[in-house]
Amino acid sequence: MGEQREASASAAAVAHSSNMQRVKVYRLRDGGKWDDQGTGHVAVDYIEV
């Protein structure tokens, strides 16, 4: 359990120090239902081409 807390604290520190946003993560199953996978972090960069 302590390792999970350390990993969460580390992820939170990374997200706080960058432009990452906290998001809910879901996975679509074969039957068309969504599985809640918890929370994660995402960063979006706009690149004009």
PDB file of N, CA and C in Angstrom:
ATOM      1  N   MET A   1       0.831  -1.190   0.000  1.00  0.00           N
ATOM      2  CA  MET A   1       0.000   0.000   0.000  1.00  0.00           C
ATOM      3  C   MET A   1       0.869   1.246   0.000  1.00  0.00           C
ATOM      4  N   GLY A   2       1.995   1.233   0.697  1.00  0.00           N
ATOM      5  CA  GLY A   2       2.885   2.381   0.751  1.00  0.00           C
ATOM      6  C   GLY A   2       3.468   2.724  -0.605  1.00  0.00           C
ATOM      7  N   GLU A   3       3.755   1.685  -1.409  1.00  0.00           N
ATOM      8  CA  GLU A   3       4.298   1.921  -2.750  1.00  0.00           C
ATOM      9  C   GLU A   3       3.284   2.638  -3.630  1.00  0.00           C
ATOM     10  N   GLN A   4       2.000   2.288  -3.491  1.00  0.00           N
ATOM     11  CA  GLN A   4       0.959   2.962  -4.266  1.00  0.00           C
ATOM     12  C   GLN A   4       0.882   4.434  -3.896  1.00  0.00           C
ATOM     13  N   ARG A   5       0.983   4.736  -2.610  1.00  0.00           N
ATOM     14  CA  ARG A   5       0.937   6.134  -2.174  1.00  0.00           C
ATOM     15  C   ARG A   5       2.113   6.907  -2.724  1.00  0.00           C
ATOM     16  N   GLU A   6       3.306   6.276  -2.698  1.00  0.00           N
ATOM     17  CA  GLU A   6       4.493   6.946  -3.227  1.00  0.00           C
ATOM     18  C   GLU A   6       4.352   7.192  -4.722  1.00  0.00           C
ATOM     19  N   ALA A   7       3.822   6.207  -5.458  1.00  0.00           N
ATOM     20  CA  ALA A   7       3.627   6.366  -6.898  1.00  0.00           C
ATOM     21  C   ALA A   7       2.605   7.459  -7.171  1.00  0.00           C
ATOM     22  N   SER A   8       1.528   7.501  -6.393  1.00  0.00           N
ATOM     23  CA  SER A   8       0.516   8.530  -6.571  1.00  0.00           C
ATOM     24  C   SER A   8       1.085   9.907  -6.275  1.00  0.00           C
ATOM     25  N   ALA A   9       1.871  10.010  -5.222  1.00  0.00           N
ATOM     26  CA  ALA A   9       2.477  11.291  -4.869  1.00  0.00           C
ATOM     27  C   ALA A   9       3.442  11.735  -5.961  1.00  0.00           C
ATOM     28  N   SER A  10       4.193  10.787  -6.517  1.00  0.00           N
ATOM     29  CA  SER A  10       5.135  11.102  -7.582  1.00  0.00           C
ATOM     30  C   SER A  10       4.395  11.570  -8.831  1.00  0.00           C
ATOM     31  N   ALA A  11       3.314  10.879  -9.192  1.00  0.00           N
ATOM     32  CA  ALA A  11       2.518  11.273 -10.358  1.00  0.00           C
ATOM     33  C   ALA A  11       1.897  12.640 -10.150  1.00  0.00           C
ATOM     34  N   ALA A  12       1.434  12.907  -8.946  1.00  0.00           N
ATOM     35  CA  ALA A  12       0.835  14.205  -8.643  1.00  0.00           C
ATOM     36  C   ALA A  12       1.870  15.314  -8.769  1.00  0.00           C
ATOM     37  N   ALA A  13       3.100  15.050  -8.325  1.00  0.00           N
ATOM     38  CA  ALA A  13       4.162  16.051  -8.420  1.00  0.00           C
ATOM     39  C   ALA A  13       4.491  16.351  -9.876  1.00  0.00           C
ATOM     40  N   VAL A  14       4.539  15.316 -10.710  1.00  0.00           N
ATOM     41  CA  VAL A  14       4.814  15.512 -12.135  1.00  0.00           C
ATOM     42  C   VAL A  14       3.688  16.311 -12.775  1.00  0.00           C
ATOM     43  N   ALA A  15       2.457  15.957 -12.474  1.00  0.00           N
ATOM     44  CA  ALA A  15       1.312  16.651 -13.066  1.00  0.00           C
ATOM     45  C   ALA A  15       1.272  18.104 -12.625  1.00  0.00           C
ATOM     46  N   HIS A  16       1.620  18.369 -11.385  1.00  0.00           N
ATOM     47  CA  HIS A  16       1.578  19.731 -10.877  1.00  0.00           C
ATOM     48  C   HIS A  16       2.665  20.593 -11.507  1.00  0.00           C
ATOM     49  N   SER A  17       3.813  19.999 -11.817  1.00  0.00           N
ATOM     50  CA  SER A  17       4.934  20.777 -12.322  1.00  0.00           C
ATOM     51  C   SER A  17       4.905  20.961 -13.837  1.00  0.00           C
ATOM     52  N   SER A  18       3.925  20.400 -14.525  1.00  0.00           N
ATOM     53  CA  SER A  18       3.844  20.546 -15.970  1.00  0.00           C
ATOM     54  C   SER A  18       2.447  21.001 -16.363  1.00  0.00           C
ATOM     55  N   ASN A  19       2.137  20.905 -17.634  1.00  0.00           N
ATOM     56  CA  ASN A  19       0.826  21.324 -18.104  1.00  0.00           C
ATOM     57  C   ASN A  19      -0.157  20.151 -18.169  1.00  0.00           C
ATOM     58  N   MET A  20       0.090  19.101 -17.435  1.00  0.00           N
ATOM     59  CA  MET A  20      -0.765  17.921 -17.466  1.00  0.00           C
ATOM     60  C   MET A  20      -2.056  18.166 -16.684  1.00  0.00           C
ATOM     61  N   GLN A  21      -3.142  17.561 -17.177  1.00  0.00           N
ATOM     62  CA  GLN A  21      -4.451  17.666 -16.546  1.00  0.00           C
ATOM     63  C   GLN A  21      -4.862  16.299 -16.012  1.00  0.00           C
ATOM     64  N   ARG A  22      -5.548  16.290 -14.882  1.00  0.00           N
ATOM     65  CA  ARG A  22      -6.048  15.048 -14.304  1.00  0.00           C
ATOM     66  C   ARG A  22      -7.349  14.672 -15.014  1.00  0.00           C
ATOM     67  N   VAL A  23      -7.484  13.404 -15.405  1.00  0.00           N
ATOM     68  CA  VAL A  23      -8.649  12.940 -16.151  1.00  0.00           C
ATOM     69  C   VAL A  23      -9.138  11.604 -15.611  1.00  0.00           C
ATOM     70  N   LYS A  24     -10.396  11.291 -15.869  1.00  0.00           N
ATOM     71  CA  LYS A  24     -10.938   9.970 -15.592  1.00  0.00           C
ATOM     72  C   LYS A  24     -10.606   9.079 -16.778  1.00  0.00           C
ATOM     73  N   VAL A  25     -10.236   7.824 -16.506  1.00  0.00           N
ATOM     74  CA  VAL A  25      -9.849   6.893 -17.564  1.00  0.00           C
ATOM     75  C   VAL A  25     -10.850   5.741 -17.603  1.00  0.00           C
ATOM     76  N   TYR A  26     -11.396   5.487 -18.787  1.00  0.00           N
ATOM     77  CA  TYR A  26     -12.339   4.397 -19.008  1.00  0.00           C
ATOM     78  C   TYR A  26     -11.842   3.537 -20.159  1.00  0.00           C
ATOM     79  N   ARG A  27     -12.225   2.253 -20.123  1.00  0.00           N
ATOM     80  CA  ARG A  27     -11.888   1.341 -21.215  1.00  0.00           C
ATOM     81  C   ARG A  27     -13.188   0.731 -21.730  1.00  0.00           C
ATOM     82  N   LEU A  28     -13.365   0.734 -23.039  1.00  0.00           N
ATOM     83  CA  LEU A  28     -14.562   0.171 -23.646  1.00  0.00           C
ATOM     84  C   LEU A  28     -14.385  -1.336 -23.802  1.00  0.00           C
ATOM     85  N   ARG A  29     -15.306  -2.092 -23.193  1.00  0.00           N
ATOM     86  CA  ARG A  29     -15.249  -3.554 -23.282  1.00  0.00           C
ATOM     87  C   ARG A  29     -15.890  -4.027 -24.577  1.00  0.00           C
ATOM     88  N   ASP A  30     -15.691  -5.302 -24.892  1.00  0.00           N
ATOM     89  CA  ASP A  30     -16.241  -5.888 -26.115  1.00  0.00           C
ATOM     90  C   ASP A  30     -17.762  -5.768 -26.166  1.00  0.00           C
ATOM     91  N   GLY A  31     -18.437  -5.877 -25.022  1.00  0.00           N
ATOM     92  CA  GLY A  31     -19.887  -5.812 -24.989  1.00  0.00           C
ATOM     93  C   GLY A  31     -20.439  -4.403 -25.119  1.00  0.00           C
ATOM     94  N   GLY A  32     -19.586  -3.415 -25.275  1.00  0.00           N
ATOM     95  CA  GLY A  32     -20.034  -2.042 -25.428  1.00  0.00           C
ATOM     96  C   GLY A  32     -20.195  -1.299 -24.116  1.00  0.00           C
ATOM     97  N   LYS A  33     -19.765  -1.915 -23.013  1.00  0.00           N
ATOM     98  CA  LYS A  33     -19.842  -1.245 -21.715  1.00  0.00           C
ATOM     99  C   LYS A  33     -18.482  -0.659 -21.362  1.00  0.00           C
ATOM    100  N   TRP A  34     -18.516   0.409 -20.537  1.00  0.00           N
ATOM    101  CA  TRP A  34     -17.295   1.098 -20.136  1.00  0.00           C
ATOM    102  C   TRP A  34     -16.833   0.615 -18.766  1.00  0.00           C
ATOM    103  N   ASP A  35     -15.532   0.320 -18.625  1.00  0.00           N
ATOM    104  CA  ASP A  35     -14.909  -0.030 -17.344  1.00  0.00           C
ATOM    105  C   ASP A  35     -14.161   1.186 -16.821  1.00  0.00           C
ATOM    106  N   ASP A  36     -14.449   1.564 -15.589  1.00  0.00           N
ATOM    107  CA  ASP A  36     -13.752   2.676 -14.936  1.00  0.00           C
ATOM    108  C   ASP A  36     -12.356   2.201 -14.551  1.00  0.00           C
ATOM    109  N   GLN A  37     -11.335   2.846 -15.081  1.00  0.00           N
ATOM    110  CA  GLN A  37      -9.950   2.471 -14.812  1.00  0.00           C
ATOM    111  C   GLN A  37      -9.275   3.392 -13.797  1.00  0.00           C
ATOM    112  N   GLY A  38     -10.026   4.338 -13.255  1.00  0.00           N
ATOM    113  CA  GLY A  38      -9.459   5.242 -12.259  1.00  0.00           C
ATOM    114  C   GLY A  38      -9.140   6.598 -12.855  1.00  0.00           C
ATOM    115  N   THR A  39      -8.101   7.222 -12.334  1.00  0.00           N
ATOM    116  CA  THR A  39      -7.695   8.532 -12.835  1.00  0.00           C
ATOM    117  C   THR A  39      -6.303   8.463 -13.430  1.00  0.00           C
ATOM    118  N   GLY A  40      -6.014   9.398 -14.295  1.00  0.00           N
ATOM    119  CA  GLY A  40      -4.700   9.482 -14.912  1.00  0.00           C
ATOM    120  C   GLY A  40      -4.412  10.933 -15.240  1.00  0.00           C
ATOM    121  N   HIS A  41      -3.333  11.158 -15.951  1.00  0.00           N
ATOM    122  CA  HIS A  41      -2.948  12.508 -16.342  1.00  0.00           C
ATOM    123  C   HIS A  41      -2.701  12.540 -17.844  1.00  0.00           C
ATOM    124  N   VAL A  42      -3.051  13.669 -18.437  1.00  0.00           N
ATOM    125  CA  VAL A  42      -2.879  13.827 -19.876  1.00  0.00           C
ATOM    126  C   VAL A  42      -2.383  15.238 -20.164  1.00  0.00           C
ATOM    127  N   ALA A  43      -1.570  15.349 -21.174  1.00  0.00           N
ATOM    128  CA  ALA A  43      -1.118  16.657 -21.648  1.00  0.00           C
ATOM    129  C   ALA A  43      -1.437  16.730 -23.131  1.00  0.00           C
ATOM    130  N   VAL A  44      -1.870  17.876 -23.583  1.00  0.00           N
ATOM    131  CA  VAL A  44      -2.212  18.076 -24.978  1.00  0.00           C
ATOM    132  C   VAL A  44      -1.367  19.218 -25.509  1.00  0.00           C
ATOM    133  N   ASP A  45      -0.689  18.962 -26.605  1.00  0.00           N
ATOM    134  CA  ASP A  45       0.093  19.985 -27.291  1.00  0.00           C
ATOM    135  C   ASP A  45      -0.483  20.194 -28.677  1.00  0.00           C
ATOM    136  N   TYR A  46      -0.769  21.450 -29.013  1.00  0.00           N
ATOM    137  CA  TYR A  46      -1.274  21.792 -30.333  1.00  0.00           C
ATOM    138  C   TYR A  46      -0.089  22.014 -31.263  1.00  0.00           C
ATOM    139  N   ILE A  47      -0.091  21.280 -32.366  1.00  0.00           N
ATOM    140  CA  ILE A  47       0.981  21.424 -33.356  1.00  0.00           C
ATOM    141  C   ILE A  47       0.339  21.792 -34.688  1.00  0.00           C
ATOM    142  N   GLU A  48       0.632  22.987 -35.154  1.00  0.00           N
ATOM    143  CA  GLU A  48       0.077  23.429 -36.426  1.00  0.00           C
ATOM    144  C   GLU A  48       0.925  22.898 -37.553  1.00  0.00           C
ATOM    145  N   VAL A  49       0.257  22.322 -38.564  1.00  0.00           N
ATOM    146  CA  VAL A  49       1.005  21.776 -39.717  1.00  0.00           C
ATOM    147  C   VAL A  49       0.613  22.472 -40.994  1.00  0.00           C
TER     148      VAL A  49
END
